[in-house]
Protein backbone atom coordinates (compact mmCIF):
# COMPACT_ATOMS: atom_id res chain seq x y z
CA MET A 1 0.28 0.19 -0.17
CA SER A 2 1.23 3.59 -0.92
CA LEU A 3 2.52 5.49 2.27
CA PRO A 4 1.20 9.04 3.40
CA ILE A 5 1.32 11.70 1.20
CA GLU A 6 3.96 13.40 3.52
CA ASP A 7 6.06 10.58 3.76
CA TYR A 8 7.26 11.42 -0.06
CA ALA A 9 10.22 13.52 -1.50
CA LEU A 10 10.18 14.90 -4.80
CA ILE A 11 13.65 15.16 -6.90
CA SER A 12 13.63 16.52 -10.33
CA ASP A 13 15.39 17.33 -13.25
CA CYS A 14 13.39 20.18 -14.18
CA PHE A 15 11.69 17.89 -17.33
CA THR A 16 10.07 15.65 -14.41
CA GLY A 17 10.15 14.35 -10.96
CA ALA A 18 9.71 11.44 -8.90
CA LEU A 19 8.31 10.79 -5.73
CA VAL A 20 10.62 8.97 -2.90
CA GLY A 21 9.05 7.22 -0.23
CA LYS A 22 10.42 7.32 3.46
CA ASP A 23 11.01 3.36 2.86
CA GLY A 24 13.55 3.92 -0.12
CA SER A 25 11.01 3.40 -2.64
CA ILE A 26 10.40 5.26 -6.12
CA ASP A 27 6.52 5.34 -5.77
CA TRP A 28 6.05 8.12 -8.84
CA LEU A 29 7.78 8.71 -11.70
CA CYS A 30 6.65 9.70 -15.59
CA LEU A 31 9.20 10.12 -18.55
CA PRO A 32 10.80 12.15 -19.92
CA ARG A 33 7.53 15.24 -18.44
CA TYR A 34 5.54 14.85 -15.29
CA ASP A 35 2.84 14.36 -17.77
CA SER A 36 4.23 11.34 -19.46
CA GLN A 37 2.13 8.10 -18.65
CA SER A 38 4.11 6.55 -15.91
CA MET A 39 6.51 3.55 -15.19
CA PHE A 40 6.43 3.60 -11.65
CA GLY A 41 3.06 4.27 -10.24
CA SER A 42 2.43 2.60 -6.88
CA LEU A 43 1.74 5.77 -5.71
CA LEU A 44 -2.17 5.26 -7.73
CA GLY A 45 -1.99 1.27 -6.49
CA THR A 46 0.23 -0.79 -5.16
CA GLU A 47 4.22 -2.37 -5.81
CA ASP A 48 2.72 -4.27 -9.11
CA HIS A 49 1.61 -1.03 -10.65
CA GLY A 50 5.43 -0.04 -10.60
CA ARG A 51 8.47 0.61 -8.00
CA TRP A 52 11.77 1.02 -7.32
CA LEU A 53 13.06 0.08 -3.80
CA VAL A 54 16.76 0.52 -2.91
CA ALA A 55 16.59 0.14 1.36
CA PRO A 56 18.42 -1.96 3.60
CA ALA A 57 17.54 -6.17 3.63
CA ASP A 58 16.69 -5.84 7.30
CA PRO A 59 13.06 -4.57 7.71
CA SER A 60 13.51 -3.17 10.98
CA ALA A 61 15.89 -0.47 9.64
CA SER A 62 15.28 3.22 10.76
CA SER A 63 16.04 6.14 8.29
CA THR A 64 16.01 10.48 8.37
CA ARG A 65 16.63 12.15 5.03
CA HIS A 66 17.07 15.94 4.28
CA TYR A 67 17.58 17.62 1.19
CA GLU A 68 21.60 18.28 0.73
CA GLY A 69 21.49 22.38 1.04
CA ASP A 70 19.04 24.18 -1.21
CA THR A 71 19.52 21.29 -3.97
CA MET A 72 16.96 18.75 -5.06
CA ILE A 73 19.42 15.92 -4.46
CA LEU A 74 17.82 13.76 -1.20
CA VAL A 75 19.53 12.30 0.96
CA THR A 76 18.71 9.39 3.62
CA ARG A 77 20.80 7.83 6.32
CA TRP A 78 19.51 4.50 6.97
CA ARG A 79 21.04 2.66 10.54
CA THR A 80 20.88 -1.16 11.23
CA ALA A 81 21.97 -3.60 14.01
CA GLU A 82 24.97 -4.06 11.52
CA GLY A 83 25.83 -0.22 10.57
CA GLU A 84 24.85 2.77 8.58
CA VAL A 85 24.33 3.55 4.90
CA GLU A 86 23.81 6.37 3.20
CA VAL A 87 21.63 6.90 -0.48
CA THR A 88 21.95 9.74 -2.31
CA ASP A 89 19.19 10.01 -5.06
CA ALA A 90 18.88 12.76 -7.46
CA MET A 91 17.91 13.22 -10.89
CA PRO A 92 20.90 15.22 -12.79
CA MET A 93 21.13 18.73 -14.20
CA GLY A 94 22.37 19.99 -17.59
CA ASP A 95 22.86 16.69 -19.93
CA HIS A 96 19.65 16.96 -21.63
CA ARG A 97 18.90 13.07 -20.73
CA ALA A 98 16.38 11.70 -18.16
CA ASP A 99 18.45 9.88 -15.74
CA VAL A 100 17.78 8.71 -11.84
CA VAL A 101 20.90 8.10 -9.73
CA ARG A 102 20.74 6.25 -6.42
CA ARG A 103 24.14 6.48 -4.35
CA VAL A 104 24.81 3.93 -1.55
CA ARG A 105 28.13 4.71 0.21
CA GLY A 106 28.68 2.89 3.60
CA ILE A 107 29.16 4.75 6.42
CA ARG A 108 29.56 2.30 9.12
CA GLY A 109 29.54 -1.53 9.67
CA GLN A 110 28.32 -4.18 6.83
CA VAL A 111 24.89 -3.24 5.38
CA ARG A 112 23.21 -5.91 3.74
CA MET A 113 21.03 -3.60 1.04
CA ARG A 114 18.10 -5.09 -1.48
CA GLN A 115 16.56 -3.71 -4.25
CA ASP A 116 13.52 -4.46 -5.84
CA LEU A 117 12.67 -3.24 -9.36
CA ARG A 118 8.84 -3.48 -11.20
CA ILE A 119 8.95 -1.48 -14.46
CA ARG A 120 5.82 -0.72 -15.68
CA PHE A 121 5.09 1.28 -18.41
CA GLY A 122 1.99 3.82 -19.71
CA TYR A 123 0.46 3.78 -16.43
CA ALA A 124 0.68 0.18 -15.41
CA ARG A 125 -0.97 -1.21 -18.73
CA ALA A 126 2.84 -2.41 -20.22
CA THR A 127 4.95 -5.14 -18.79
CA PRO A 128 7.95 -4.62 -20.92
CA TRP A 129 10.34 -7.06 -22.50
CA VAL A 130 13.59 -6.95 -20.41
CA ARG A 131 17.07 -8.34 -21.48
CA LYS A 132 20.54 -8.60 -20.02
CA ASP A 133 22.87 -6.27 -21.52
CA SER A 134 26.28 -8.07 -21.07
CA SER A 135 28.29 -5.84 -23.61
CA THR A 136 29.15 -3.27 -20.76
CA ARG A 137 30.61 -3.43 -17.44
CA PRO A 138 28.96 -4.28 -14.87
CA SER A 139 26.38 -5.63 -16.84
CA ALA A 140 22.81 -3.87 -17.42
CA LEU A 141 19.05 -4.36 -17.82
CA VAL A 142 17.30 -2.79 -21.00
CA ALA A 143 13.42 -2.83 -20.52
CA VAL A 144 11.03 -2.04 -23.67
CA ALA A 145 7.19 -1.33 -24.20
CA GLY A 146 6.04 0.33 -27.00
CA PRO A 147 7.72 3.94 -27.50
CA ASP A 148 9.34 3.90 -24.10
CA ALA A 149 12.66 2.45 -22.99
CA ILE A 150 15.11 2.67 -20.17
CA VAL A 151 18.18 1.14 -18.68
CA VAL A 152 19.67 -0.17 -15.14
CA ARG A 153 23.07 0.17 -14.29
CA GLY A 154 24.39 -1.01 -10.89
CA SER A 155 24.08 -4.19 -8.76
CA SER A 156 23.02 -7.21 -10.55
CA LEU A 157 19.63 -8.20 -10.62
CA HIS A 158 17.86 -11.23 -11.30
CA ALA A 159 14.31 -11.66 -12.43
CA ILE A 160 11.27 -12.98 -10.16
CA ASP A 161 8.15 -13.77 -11.77
CA HIS A 162 7.23 -9.49 -13.44
CA ALA A 163 10.10 -8.48 -11.11
CA HIS A 164 13.31 -8.27 -10.58
CA ALA A 165 15.12 -8.27 -7.55
CA GLY A 166 19.31 -8.25 -6.19
CA GLU A 167 20.92 -7.76 -2.10
CA PHE A 168 24.63 -6.49 -1.65
CA THR A 169 26.91 -5.52 0.63
CA VAL A 170 28.08 -2.24 2.17
CA GLY A 171 30.98 -1.21 4.20
CA PRO A 172 32.53 1.68 5.32
CA GLY A 173 33.38 4.29 2.32
CA GLU A 174 32.58 1.79 -0.04
CA VAL A 175 30.49 3.61 -3.17
CA ILE A 176 27.55 1.44 -5.53
CA ASP A 177 26.16 3.52 -7.74
CA LEU A 178 22.44 2.47 -9.36
CA SER A 179 21.50 4.20 -11.92
CA LEU A 180 18.37 4.55 -14.65
CA THR A 181 17.92 6.66 -17.75
CA TRP A 182 14.84 6.24 -20.20
CA TYR A 183 14.69 6.86 -23.89
CA PRO A 184 13.00 6.07 -27.04
CA SER A 185 12.81 2.77 -27.86
CA HIS A 186 13.55 3.20 -31.38
CA ARG A 187 17.40 4.21 -30.22
CA THR A 188 20.15 3.20 -28.99
CA PRO A 189 20.38 3.00 -25.21
CA PRO A 190 22.88 5.93 -24.09
CA GLU A 191 26.09 5.45 -22.41
CA PRO A 192 26.52 4.92 -19.12
CA LEU A 193 26.60 8.14 -16.91
CA ASP A 194 29.43 9.68 -14.73
CA VAL A 195 27.63 9.46 -11.45
CA GLU A 196 30.18 11.74 -9.82
CA ALA A 197 30.46 14.71 -12.29
CA SER A 198 26.52 14.31 -12.36
CA LEU A 199 26.01 15.17 -9.29
CA GLN A 200 28.55 17.45 -8.69
CA ARG A 201 27.40 19.57 -11.54
CA THR A 202 23.88 18.98 -10.56
CA ARG A 203 24.81 20.33 -6.62
CA GLU A 204 26.11 23.31 -8.37
CA TRP A 205 22.89 23.86 -10.64
CA TRP A 206 20.76 24.34 -7.47
CA THR A 207 23.48 25.66 -5.37
CA ASP A 208 23.96 28.90 -7.88
CA TRP A 209 19.82 29.12 -8.23
CA ALA A 210 18.53 29.24 -4.89
CA ALA A 211 21.71 31.88 -4.14
CA GLY A 212 19.51 34.37 -5.85
CA CYS A 213 16.92 34.40 -3.49
CA VAL A 214 17.45 38.03 -1.84
CA HIS A 215 14.65 37.25 1.13
CA GLU A 216 16.25 37.60 4.56
CA GLY A 217 13.34 38.04 6.47
CA PRO A 218 11.43 35.58 8.84
CA TYR A 219 11.28 32.19 7.29
CA ARG A 220 13.60 32.27 4.98
CA ASP A 221 14.55 28.13 5.09
CA ALA A 222 10.96 28.11 3.93
CA VAL A 223 11.04 30.56 1.90
CA VAL A 224 14.09 29.27 -0.18
CA ARG A 225 12.57 25.29 -0.06
CA SER A 226 9.57 26.42 -1.60
CA LEU A 227 11.06 28.79 -4.31
CA VAL A 228 13.39 25.59 -5.33
CA LEU A 229 10.33 23.25 -5.57
CA MET A 230 8.60 25.97 -7.55
CA ARG A 231 11.62 25.75 -9.64
CA ALA A 232 11.90 21.79 -9.66
CA LEU A 233 8.34 21.72 -10.91
CA SER A 234 9.27 23.95 -13.88
CA HIS A 235 10.03 22.64 -17.46
CA LEU A 236 13.73 23.85 -17.79
CA GLU A 237 13.26 24.67 -21.50
CA THR A 238 9.90 25.97 -22.56
CA GLY A 239 9.18 27.77 -18.24
CA GLY A 240 5.59 25.94 -18.01
CA ILE A 241 5.20 25.12 -14.50
CA VAL A 242 2.99 22.27 -13.24
CA ALA A 243 0.30 22.64 -10.68
CA ALA A 244 2.13 18.76 -8.63
CA ALA A 245 3.97 16.67 -9.73
CA THR A 246 0.95 13.96 -9.75
CA THR A 247 -2.42 13.25 -10.22
CA SER A 248 -5.22 12.27 -8.56
CA LEU A 249 -3.91 12.15 -4.90
CA PRO A 250 -7.37 12.59 -3.11
CA GLU A 251 -8.54 16.15 -1.75
CA GLN A 252 -10.92 13.31 0.05
CA PHE A 253 -9.75 10.14 1.39
CA GLY A 254 -11.81 7.57 -0.47
CA GLY A 255 -13.59 10.30 -2.62
CA GLU A 256 -13.77 11.26 -6.49
CA ARG A 257 -12.50 14.59 -6.00
CA ASN A 258 -9.04 13.06 -7.79
CA TRP A 259 -7.83 15.56 -10.54
CA ASP A 260 -5.01 15.50 -12.38
CA TYR A 261 -2.64 18.45 -11.69
CA ARG A 262 0.40 17.95 -13.94
CA TYR A 263 -0.17 21.25 -16.42
CA VAL A 264 -0.04 24.15 -15.96
CA TRP A 265 -2.67 26.98 -15.34
CA LEU A 266 -2.35 30.33 -16.21
CA ARG A 267 -3.21 31.26 -12.69
CA ASP A 268 0.33 29.49 -11.36
CA ALA A 269 1.99 30.85 -13.78
CA SER A 270 1.13 34.36 -13.31
CA LEU A 271 1.49 34.15 -9.85
CA THR A 272 5.24 33.09 -10.59
CA ILE A 273 6.08 35.91 -12.07
CA GLY A 274 5.23 38.01 -8.85
CA VAL A 275 6.67 35.84 -6.48
CA LEU A 276 10.17 35.68 -8.78
CA LEU A 277 10.43 39.42 -8.95
CA GLU A 278 9.54 40.06 -5.56
CA TYR A 279 12.62 37.55 -4.39
CA GLY A 280 15.30 38.71 -6.67
CA TYR A 281 14.74 36.38 -10.00
CA ASP A 282 14.39 39.00 -12.08
CA ASP A 283 16.87 38.00 -15.06
CA SER A 284 14.92 34.35 -14.67
CA VAL A 285 11.24 35.55 -15.20
CA ASP A 286 11.52 36.43 -18.41
CA HIS A 287 11.49 32.36 -19.16
CA TRP A 288 7.84 32.07 -17.13
CA ARG A 289 6.91 35.46 -18.62
CA ASP A 290 7.79 34.47 -22.77
CA TRP A 291 5.50 31.07 -21.66
CA LEU A 292 2.54 32.52 -20.61
CA LEU A 293 2.76 34.68 -23.73
CA ARG A 294 2.81 31.72 -26.37
CA ALA A 295 0.43 29.99 -24.52
CA ILE A 296 -2.26 33.04 -24.66
CA ALA A 297 -1.21 33.24 -27.77
CA GLY A 298 -4.36 33.72 -30.99
CA ASP A 299 -7.68 34.35 -30.78
CA PRO A 300 -9.01 35.31 -27.02
CA ALA A 301 -12.15 33.34 -27.55
CA ASP A 302 -9.82 29.92 -27.36
CA LEU A 303 -8.31 31.18 -24.20
CA GLN A 304 -7.64 28.31 -21.52
CA ILE A 305 -7.33 28.25 -17.83
CA MET A 306 -4.89 25.49 -18.49
CA TYR A 307 -1.97 24.45 -21.23
CA GLY A 308 0.58 21.53 -21.38
CA LEU A 309 4.01 22.06 -20.40
CA SER A 310 5.06 23.21 -24.09
CA GLY A 311 1.39 25.21 -24.51
CA GLU A 312 -0.50 22.21 -25.54
CA ARG A 313 -4.35 22.85 -25.67
CA ASP A 314 -5.63 19.11 -25.46
CA LEU A 315 -6.13 18.04 -21.84
CA GLN A 316 -8.59 15.50 -22.74
CA GLU A 317 -9.99 14.18 -18.85
CA ARG A 318 -10.24 10.16 -19.01
CA VAL A 319 -9.97 7.81 -16.23
CA ILE A 320 -7.60 4.97 -16.13
CA GLU A 321 -8.37 1.84 -14.74
CA SER A 322 -5.26 -0.29 -14.80
CA LEU A 323 -4.46 2.05 -11.54
CA PRO A 324 -6.52 1.69 -8.39
CA GLY A 325 -6.34 5.05 -7.02
CA TYR A 326 -4.22 5.79 -4.10
CA GLN A 327 -5.48 3.52 -1.06
CA GLY A 328 -8.09 2.92 -3.20
CA ALA A 329 -9.60 6.36 -4.37
CA ARG A 330 -11.08 6.14 -7.81
CA PRO A 331 -11.10 7.10 -9.86
CA VAL A 332 -8.00 8.01 -11.40
CA ARG A 333 -7.75 10.89 -14.01
CA VAL A 334 -5.77 11.64 -16.87
CA GLY A 335 -6.28 15.16 -18.56
CA ASN A 336 -8.19 17.64 -17.15
CA GLY A 337 -11.78 18.39 -17.91
CA ALA A 338 -11.53 22.19 -16.28
CA SER A 339 -9.18 22.64 -19.34
CA THR A 340 -12.30 24.02 -21.10
CA GLN A 341 -14.28 25.74 -19.00
CA PHE A 342 -14.75 29.75 -18.44
CA GLN A 343 -12.91 31.10 -15.59
CA ALA A 344 -13.46 34.77 -15.92
CA ASP A 345 -10.50 35.43 -13.37
CA VAL A 346 -8.08 34.14 -15.30
CA ILE A 347 -7.62 37.31 -17.85
CA GLY A 348 -7.11 39.47 -14.72
CA GLU A 349 -4.53 36.93 -13.46
CA VAL A 350 -2.86 37.25 -16.71
CA MET A 351 -2.66 41.25 -16.61
CA LEU A 352 -1.47 40.89 -13.21
CA GLY A 353 2.12 38.67 -13.75
CA LEU A 354 2.56 41.14 -16.88
CA ASP A 355 1.85 44.74 -14.79
CA ARG A 356 3.99 43.03 -12.36
CA GLY A 357 6.98 42.52 -14.68
CA ARG A 358 6.31 45.71 -16.25
CA ARG A 359 6.78 47.48 -13.01
CA ALA A 360 9.96 45.80 -12.65
CA GLY A 361 11.04 47.24 -16.23
CA ASP A 362 10.34 44.29 -18.66
CA ALA A 363 9.78 46.42 -21.67
CA GLU A 364 6.24 45.54 -23.28
CA THR A 365 7.30 44.20 -27.33
CA ARG A 366 4.28 45.00 -30.48
CA PHE A 367 3.38 41.49 -29.73
CA SER A 368 2.87 41.75 -26.26
CA TRP A 369 0.89 44.29 -25.83
CA ALA A 370 -1.33 44.22 -28.85
CA LEU A 371 -2.52 40.19 -27.03
CA GLN A 372 -3.35 42.10 -23.84
CA ARG A 373 -4.83 44.68 -25.43
CA ALA A 374 -6.58 41.59 -27.38
CA LEU A 375 -7.50 39.98 -24.12
CA MET A 376 -8.99 42.97 -22.91
CA ALA A 377 -11.43 43.40 -25.90
CA TYR A 378 -12.69 39.83 -25.36
CA LEU A 379 -13.27 40.84 -21.41
CA GLU A 380 -15.12 43.58 -22.75
CA ASP A 381 -17.39 41.60 -24.67
CA ASN A 382 -17.90 38.98 -21.87
CA TRP A 383 -17.09 39.86 -18.19
CA ARG A 384 -20.70 39.69 -17.45
CA MET A 385 -21.47 35.59 -18.08
CA PRO A 386 -21.22 33.69 -15.57
CA ASP A 387 -18.34 31.43 -14.72
CA HIS A 388 -17.06 28.54 -13.15
CA GLY A 389 -14.62 30.23 -11.39
CA ILE A 390 -11.16 30.34 -9.45
CA TRP A 391 -12.16 26.54 -7.88
CA GLU A 392 -13.61 24.99 -11.43
CA ILE A 393 -16.55 24.13 -9.88
CA ARG A 394 -18.51 20.90 -11.80
CA GLY A 395 -21.57 22.39 -11.43
CA GLU A 396 -23.57 25.30 -12.53
CA PRO A 397 -21.78 28.45 -13.74
CA GLN A 398 -22.17 31.14 -11.37
CA HIS A 399 -21.48 34.86 -11.34
CA PHE A 400 -18.62 34.41 -8.72
CA THR A 401 -17.61 37.79 -6.78
CA HIS A 402 -13.96 36.88 -6.65
CA SER A 403 -13.88 36.33 -10.69
CA ARG A 404 -15.41 39.70 -10.60
CA GLY A 405 -12.70 41.11 -8.72
CA LEU A 406 -10.31 40.34 -11.16
CA VAL A 407 -12.23 41.36 -13.93
CA TRP A 408 -12.00 44.87 -12.20
CA ALA A 409 -7.98 43.92 -11.62
CA ALA A 410 -7.62 43.09 -15.30
CA PHE A 411 -9.14 46.88 -16.60
CA ASP A 412 -7.15 48.44 -13.53
CA CYS A 413 -3.93 46.84 -15.29
CA ALA A 414 -5.03 47.77 -18.75
CA VAL A 415 -5.37 51.61 -17.43
CA ARG A 416 -2.19 51.88 -15.46
CA ALA A 417 -0.62 50.43 -18.47
CA VAL A 418 -2.28 53.31 -20.34
CA GLU A 419 -1.39 55.79 -17.68
CA ASP A 420 1.55 54.90 -16.11
CA TYR A 421 3.70 53.50 -19.07
CA GLY A 422 2.07 55.46 -21.88
CA LEU A 423 1.15 52.33 -24.19
CA ASP A 424 -1.73 52.81 -26.23
CA GLY A 425 -5.38 51.79 -26.07
CA PRO A 426 -8.86 53.15 -25.43
CA VAL A 427 -8.46 53.74 -21.94
CA ASP A 428 -11.18 56.08 -21.05
CA ARG A 429 -13.81 52.69 -22.12
CA TRP A 430 -11.48 50.83 -19.89
CA ARG A 431 -11.84 53.11 -16.90
CA ARG A 432 -15.91 52.82 -17.72
CA GLU A 433 -16.04 49.19 -17.94
CA ARG A 434 -13.27 49.24 -14.67
CA ASP A 435 -15.92 51.48 -12.84
CA ALA A 436 -18.93 49.31 -14.65
CA VAL A 437 -17.46 46.22 -12.33
CA ARG A 438 -16.90 47.55 -9.02
CA ALA A 439 -20.56 49.18 -8.83
CA GLU A 440 -22.02 45.37 -9.97
CA ILE A 441 -19.60 43.74 -7.46
CA GLU A 442 -20.73 46.43 -4.69
CA ALA A 443 -24.63 46.03 -5.72
CA ASN A 444 -24.78 42.21 -6.16
CA GLY A 445 -21.97 40.54 -3.83
CA TRP A 446 -22.15 42.52 -1.17
CA ASP A 447 -24.05 41.15 2.07
CA ALA A 448 -25.09 44.53 3.85
CA GLU A 449 -26.73 42.39 6.59
CA ARG A 450 -23.76 40.46 7.54
CA GLN A 451 -21.36 42.87 5.95
CA THR A 452 -19.24 40.62 3.79
CA TYR A 453 -18.58 39.87 0.24
CA VAL A 454 -20.53 36.61 -0.88
CA GLN A 455 -19.01 33.75 -2.67
CA TYR A 456 -21.31 34.59 -5.56
CA TYR A 457 -24.10 37.08 -6.84
CA GLY A 458 -27.44 35.71 -4.76
CA SER A 459 -25.93 33.50 -2.11
CA SER A 460 -24.75 33.69 1.18
CA GLU A 461 -22.56 31.87 1.72
CA VAL A 462 -18.72 33.15 1.89
CA ASP A 463 -15.61 31.30 0.09
CA ALA A 464 -11.38 32.11 1.26
CA SER A 465 -11.33 33.74 -2.94
CA LEU A 466 -12.35 36.49 -1.56
CA LEU A 467 -9.08 36.78 0.81
CA GLN A 468 -7.39 38.34 -2.81
CA LEU A 469 -9.91 40.95 -3.22
CA ALA A 470 -7.09 42.99 -1.43
CA GLN A 471 -4.37 41.11 -2.98
CA VAL A 472 -5.58 42.81 -6.39
CA GLY A 473 -6.35 45.84 -5.22
CA PHE A 474 -9.52 45.94 -5.31
CA VAL A 475 -9.58 46.46 -1.72
CA SER A 476 -7.25 47.58 1.09
CA PRO A 477 -6.53 44.75 3.61
CA GLU A 478 -8.33 47.82 6.17
CA ASP A 479 -11.19 48.49 4.56
CA PRO A 480 -13.95 48.12 6.71
CA ARG A 481 -15.80 45.67 4.08
CA MET A 482 -12.49 43.31 3.86
CA LEU A 483 -12.29 43.14 7.81
CA GLY A 484 -15.96 41.85 7.52
CA THR A 485 -15.73 39.20 4.70
CA VAL A 486 -12.83 38.37 7.37
CA ARG A 487 -14.69 37.97 9.82
CA ALA A 488 -17.23 35.88 7.89
CA ILE A 489 -14.31 33.44 6.53
CA GLU A 490 -13.18 32.64 10.12
CA GLU A 491 -16.61 32.26 10.88
CA ASP A 492 -17.46 30.12 8.36
CA LEU A 493 -14.55 28.15 6.85
CA MET A 494 -11.98 27.81 9.34
CA ILE A 495 -11.25 24.24 11.20
CA ASP A 496 -8.87 24.17 14.03
CA GLY A 497 -7.17 27.11 12.82
CA LEU A 498 -7.50 26.46 9.12
CA VAL A 499 -9.36 27.68 5.99
CA LEU A 500 -11.24 25.79 3.81
CA ARG A 501 -12.38 27.11 0.23
CA TYR A 502 -15.84 27.10 0.39
CA ARG A 503 -18.47 25.23 2.43
CA THR A 504 -19.33 22.02 0.10
CA SER A 505 -22.25 20.91 1.83
CA SER A 506 -23.87 24.30 -0.12
CA GLY A 507 -23.88 21.67 -3.24
CA VAL A 508 -22.54 24.30 -5.43
CA ASP A 509 -19.67 22.61 -7.00
CA GLY A 510 -22.19 19.29 -7.87
CA LEU A 511 -19.92 16.95 -6.31
CA PRO A 512 -20.42 15.17 -3.17
CA PRO A 513 -19.38 16.97 -0.10
CA GLY A 514 -16.50 16.66 1.97
CA GLU A 515 -13.04 18.08 1.73
CA HIS A 516 -10.02 19.52 3.99
CA PRO A 517 -8.32 22.34 4.23
CA PHE A 518 -6.84 23.99 1.38
CA LEU A 519 -3.43 25.69 2.18
CA ALA A 520 -2.75 28.22 -0.04
CA CYS A 521 -6.65 29.54 1.73
CA SER A 522 -4.35 29.48 5.12
CA PHE A 523 -1.54 31.23 3.87
CA TRP A 524 -3.69 34.12 2.03
CA LEU A 525 -5.43 34.71 5.59
CA VAL A 526 -1.75 35.20 6.57
CA GLU A 527 -1.28 37.64 4.25
CA GLN A 528 -4.48 39.45 5.29
CA TYR A 529 -3.80 39.53 8.58
CA ALA A 530 -0.37 41.12 8.07
CA GLY A 531 -1.54 43.85 5.62
CA SER A 532 -4.28 44.54 8.30
CA GLY A 533 -2.50 45.08 11.51
CA ARG A 534 -2.90 41.88 12.71
CA LEU A 535 1.06 40.64 12.51
CA ASP A 536 0.68 38.51 16.33
CA ASP A 537 -2.13 36.93 14.16
CA ALA A 538 -0.51 36.74 10.98
CA ARG A 539 2.82 35.02 12.90
CA GLY A 540 0.73 32.48 14.89
CA LEU A 541 -1.11 31.22 11.48
CA MET A 542 2.08 31.41 9.54
CA ASP A 543 3.95 29.28 12.18
CA ARG A 544 1.54 26.81 12.66
CA LEU A 545 1.28 26.03 8.40
CA VAL A 546 5.17 26.18 7.94
CA ALA A 547 4.98 23.08 11.07
CA LEU A 548 2.72 21.22 8.68
CA ARG A 549 5.59 20.77 6.09
CA ASN A 550 6.85 17.55 5.47
CA ASP A 551 10.30 16.48 6.99
CA VAL A 552 11.98 17.68 3.88
CA GLY A 553 9.81 21.25 3.74
CA MET A 554 6.54 19.84 1.18
CA LEU A 555 3.13 21.26 1.48
CA SER A 556 0.79 19.33 -0.91
CA GLU A 557 -2.67 21.01 -1.60
CA GLU A 558 -4.69 20.27 1.71
CA TYR A 559 -4.41 18.97 5.32
CA ASP A 560 -6.27 16.37 7.15
CA VAL A 561 -6.87 18.01 10.51
CA LYS A 562 -8.16 15.29 12.22
CA GLY A 563 -5.51 12.35 10.50
CA ARG A 564 -3.00 15.01 10.68
CA SER A 565 -1.96 14.14 7.40
CA HIS A 566 -1.46 16.05 3.85
CA ALA A 567 -4.06 15.40 1.31
CA GLY A 568 -4.29 16.59 -2.50
CA ASN A 569 -1.60 16.65 -4.88
CA THR A 570 1.92 17.21 -4.05
CA PRO A 571 4.01 18.63 -3.66
CA GLN A 572 1.69 22.09 -4.83
CA ALA A 573 3.00 24.99 -6.66
CA LEU A 574 0.29 27.28 -5.49
CA THR A 575 0.80 26.41 -1.89
CA HIS A 576 4.29 27.09 -2.16
CA ILE A 577 3.30 30.18 -3.62
CA ALA A 578 1.77 31.21 -1.34
CA LEU A 579 3.36 30.25 1.63
CA VAL A 580 6.42 32.17 0.27
CA ARG A 581 3.80 35.56 -0.65
CA ALA A 582 3.01 35.13 3.33
CA ALA A 583 6.07 35.82 4.28
CA GLY A 584 6.78 38.45 2.50
CA ALA A 585 3.77 40.07 3.69
CA ILE A 586 4.76 39.29 7.61
CA ALA A 587 8.65 40.76 6.35
CA ARG A 588 7.04 44.14 5.36
CA ALA A 589 4.34 44.56 7.93
CA GLU A 590 7.50 43.96 10.47
CA ALA A 591 9.26 46.54 8.54
CA GLY A 592 6.25 48.74 8.64
CA SER A 593 6.04 49.07 4.98
């Protein structure tokens, strides 16, 4: 059975990533990209759905683990009755290969290690043909099925049914390198990897990137780890950032709220731009900005809320029957049906991201500004339509107040682009539209009796996304309307001090009720507290949230308060983006700015 979600750590080469469990098993790996089909899929099933275990043969062995400095190199220290051994797991950077390296180094005594390798391509639908290649020393295993092939090198393995197993002993100072390399099956196996050189290059790459962070305020370790995880979830060449490394980890254990997050949401890409600029990555932000502009190029009527890592549009959702689901949570989904939804807030997120770039000194091109003008023209014609909202409801579209707030932000960005930066555009018309959106929100999205903004027009429910109204400048964090909304959120949506997205019992999302607090929403509340003078509350909630990270600093989408466990896909980009923003808000509040 799969481990608790918090027991996994990510390793990545900025093309894809693997989840390594505390038990030494790689239970999730899709090659060569995050959104490729899995070859190790036991995360969503059992070991027979694919895994690669490297651990002591002693079942009573204990372990601790950490990332090496500010890198994505994972180091696990195992202790047995016979001695100690260290396993270093990494996906090498900078060689345009798809490799996984597992270096075993003896520390003390003689430790017997074992391997269990079960290769299952295509979401466990294809057990490969495996042959031994004796042309190299040591010999290698070559596994092929359809378009996929891997070569596994290192300690000897032998076949047992549809698995390969082996044992070896490592003593003090002894090093045994194990490696797995994916390649297209119509090509010859790549040459063996120089493991020492690859690890050193990878170590330097991550250390140099992390050193660019300018944050010296509170929660620096959590901020840097979150930034490194965001970089790990980003495609090195295209600039797209996946929402998470996984698909179908349940928001409700045993339920059907299981979604594929291995795609790029425009919302996440836009927020990433703002975070990178705030924390000193001005030289890197063009990569993300260029992805955003390429993805949204074309007729604005064809705009999607998410795309593939290279900007692919076909993300049709389907159910994968070959994987039984995380601890039985069905269905396992691939693709995402929300990609074709109309979510009015997305254009606002895009305009905010590009506005942040402008304010940081990024020059507009004729192409980039023309594209933004086209988006605004589309928004002028369509903003009054109901939409599916930031939470991608599967129920009937509504006039969501948060969506309208982001529509206001889009027009506000367009107006400021003309007024502050001299760009051309119908600024008088945009001002009128901006004022019309505000008037509509105040008339239809405000509950005067309870003194709060509401989830959607005509509703009495609140929604944690309303916390973003202050973030985008629609209201000040200290505005009485915002403070009233915070009170309502605290009354209705807080469970043991953490924040739900909304009350699923209302039925607005068209799904069976029940989910756990959404971690990004709790970080948004930290940001609101800091901005409205509640600094002690901000610090208190931030401390609680940072303490929920697992042993290597990762956070998933949600947190099960009763079960004290992570829930939903992991690591979640939006959660870590919100953590970084919250830390910045506290730093600014402490500085009095």
